[in-house]
Amino acid sequence: MSQRNSIREKFKNADLLSFTSICVGAVVICVILCIAGLLFSNRREFISGILFGLIFSIINFRLLKSAMERSVYKEDSKAAAFFVTIQYFVRFVMKAGALYIGFASDRLDTVAVIVGLLSVNIAIYVLNLINTKKTNKE
């Protein structure tokens, strides 16, 4: 029981990489990429692809956050595992659908959709690197 309480405390006190800061980081990365995309000849498709991937990436990350929070507070571990597995497949199908739309659409640049889908991951790595450098200085 004490392990469950310590996990709950970690969720309550997890401000090192909060949901908001990660989403803001992903948006900043995508804005920088959109500005760089103005140099390309197919800028409309590139910017649309980045924004399309970013939206799906943030929704996916929000669903992941919600699933993890809800599973921590479930009393039955089997029910929590089943819930997380179902949520995983929902997010997987959602990403696959976004990739399919990115590949099938003429109005979206495929590489830009993939980069947009990876924007939250990139933001997590960058913010983690910044936080690691801050803690090493202290």
Protein backbone atom coordinates (compact mmCIF):
# COMPACT_ATOMS: atom_id res chain seq x y z
CA MET A 1 0.00 0.00 0.00
CA SER A 2 2.88 2.38 0.70
CA GLN A 3 4.18 1.88 -2.84
CA ARG A 4 0.78 2.91 -4.25
CA ASN A 5 0.82 6.05 -2.08
CA SER A 6 4.34 6.94 -3.22
CA ILE A 7 3.25 6.64 -6.87
CA ARG A 8 0.29 8.91 -6.14
CA GLU A 9 2.58 11.45 -4.49
CA LYS A 10 4.88 11.42 -7.52
CA PHE A 11 1.90 12.20 -9.76
CA LYS A 12 0.80 15.03 -7.50
CA ASN A 13 4.27 16.55 -7.23
CA ALA A 14 5.38 16.00 -10.84
CA ASP A 15 6.04 19.55 -11.96
CA LEU A 16 9.45 18.87 -13.48
CA LEU A 17 7.93 18.13 -16.87
CA SER A 18 4.29 19.14 -16.65
CA PHE A 19 1.71 18.51 -19.35
CA THR A 20 1.42 22.22 -20.08
CA SER A 21 5.17 22.81 -20.43
CA ILE A 22 5.52 19.82 -22.76
CA CYS A 23 2.62 21.00 -24.94
CA VAL A 24 4.01 24.53 -25.04
CA GLY A 25 7.43 23.11 -25.97
CA ALA A 26 5.86 21.09 -28.78
CA VAL A 27 4.03 24.16 -30.08
CA VAL A 28 7.25 26.21 -29.99
CA ILE A 29 9.11 23.50 -31.90
CA CYS A 30 6.35 23.36 -34.51
CA VAL A 31 6.25 27.15 -34.86
CA ILE A 32 10.01 27.15 -35.49
CA LEU A 33 9.57 24.38 -38.06
CA CYS A 34 6.69 26.26 -39.72
CA ILE A 35 8.85 29.37 -40.02
CA ALA A 36 11.60 27.24 -41.53
CA GLY A 37 8.96 25.69 -43.81
CA LEU A 38 8.32 29.05 -45.40
CA LEU A 39 11.54 28.47 -47.33
CA PHE A 40 10.12 25.40 -49.08
CA SER A 41 8.24 25.49 -52.35
CA ASN A 42 5.33 23.45 -50.94
CA ARG A 43 5.01 25.59 -47.82
CA ARG A 44 1.22 25.28 -47.49
CA GLU A 45 1.36 21.46 -47.46
CA PHE A 46 4.35 21.49 -45.10
CA ILE A 47 2.76 23.85 -42.56
CA SER A 48 -0.56 22.00 -42.78
CA GLY A 49 1.22 18.70 -42.17
CA ILE A 50 3.11 20.06 -39.15
CA LEU A 51 -0.07 21.47 -37.61
CA PHE A 52 -2.06 18.31 -38.37
CA GLY A 53 0.59 16.12 -36.73
CA LEU A 54 0.91 18.51 -33.77
CA ILE A 55 -2.82 18.38 -33.05
CA PHE A 56 -2.86 14.58 -33.09
CA SER A 57 0.31 14.45 -31.01
CA ILE A 58 -1.14 16.69 -28.28
CA ILE A 59 -4.41 14.74 -28.25
CA ASN A 60 -2.44 11.50 -28.01
CA PHE A 61 -0.35 12.86 -25.15
CA ARG A 62 -3.46 14.07 -23.32
CA LEU A 63 -5.04 10.64 -23.65
CA LEU A 64 -1.84 9.05 -22.33
CA LYS A 65 -1.80 11.41 -19.34
CA SER A 66 -5.44 10.69 -18.58
CA ALA A 67 -4.96 6.92 -18.87
CA MET A 68 -1.96 6.92 -16.54
CA GLU A 69 -3.68 9.08 -13.94
CA ARG A 70 -6.82 6.97 -14.00
CA SER A 71 -4.92 3.68 -13.84
CA VAL A 72 -2.93 4.77 -10.78
CA TYR A 73 -6.12 5.35 -8.83
CA LYS A 74 -7.72 2.02 -9.73
CA GLU A 75 -7.79 -0.43 -6.82
CA ASP A 76 -7.64 -3.61 -8.91
CA SER A 77 -4.33 -4.05 -10.72
CA LYS A 78 -5.87 -6.31 -13.40
CA ALA A 79 -8.51 -3.72 -14.18
CA ALA A 80 -5.81 -1.05 -14.36
CA ALA A 81 -3.71 -3.17 -16.73
CA PHE A 82 -6.72 -3.88 -18.95
CA PHE A 83 -7.65 -0.19 -19.01
CA VAL A 84 -4.11 0.86 -19.96
CA THR A 85 -3.97 -1.79 -22.69
CA ILE A 86 -7.26 -0.63 -24.22
CA GLN A 87 -6.10 3.00 -24.06
CA TYR A 88 -2.82 2.01 -25.74
CA PHE A 89 -4.67 0.47 -28.67
CA VAL A 90 -6.98 3.49 -28.96
CA ARG A 91 -3.95 5.80 -29.18
CA PHE A 92 -2.23 3.40 -31.61
CA VAL A 93 -5.25 3.37 -33.96
CA MET A 94 -5.48 7.15 -33.70
CA LYS A 95 -1.82 7.57 -34.71
CA ALA A 96 -2.22 5.05 -37.51
CA GLY A 97 -5.24 7.00 -38.78
CA ALA A 98 -3.29 10.25 -38.70
CA LEU A 99 -0.44 8.62 -40.63
CA TYR A 100 -2.87 7.17 -43.16
CA ILE A 101 -4.44 10.57 -43.71
CA GLY A 102 -0.96 12.08 -44.03
CA PHE A 103 0.06 9.53 -46.67
CA ALA A 104 -3.24 9.62 -48.58
CA SER A 105 -3.78 13.37 -48.66
CA ASP A 106 -2.35 15.59 -51.35
CA ARG A 107 -2.77 18.64 -49.11
CA LEU A 108 -0.46 17.38 -46.36
CA ASP A 109 3.26 16.77 -46.57
CA THR A 110 3.92 13.26 -45.26
CA VAL A 111 7.27 14.07 -43.64
CA ALA A 112 5.74 17.11 -41.95
CA VAL A 113 2.91 14.98 -40.52
CA ILE A 114 5.46 12.55 -39.10
CA VAL A 115 7.51 15.39 -37.60
CA GLY A 116 4.34 16.89 -36.13
CA LEU A 117 3.43 13.54 -34.59
CA LEU A 118 6.90 13.38 -33.04
CA SER A 119 6.79 16.97 -31.75
CA VAL A 120 5.71 16.04 -28.22
CA ASN A 121 8.48 13.43 -28.03
CA ILE A 122 11.03 15.98 -29.21
CA ALA A 123 9.73 18.51 -26.66
CA ILE A 124 10.08 15.94 -23.86
CA TYR A 125 13.68 15.21 -24.84
CA VAL A 126 14.58 18.91 -25.09
CA LEU A 127 12.91 19.82 -21.78
CA ASN A 128 14.50 16.83 -20.08
CA LEU A 129 17.91 17.93 -21.39
CA ILE A 130 17.33 21.47 -20.11
CA ASN A 131 16.21 20.19 -16.70
CA THR A 132 19.21 17.85 -16.47
CA LYS A 133 21.59 20.71 -17.22
CA LYS A 134 19.85 22.87 -14.57
CA THR A 135 20.17 20.20 -11.89
CA ASN A 136 23.82 19.55 -12.77
CA LYS A 137 24.64 23.24 -12.30
CA GLU A 138 23.08 23.26 -8.82
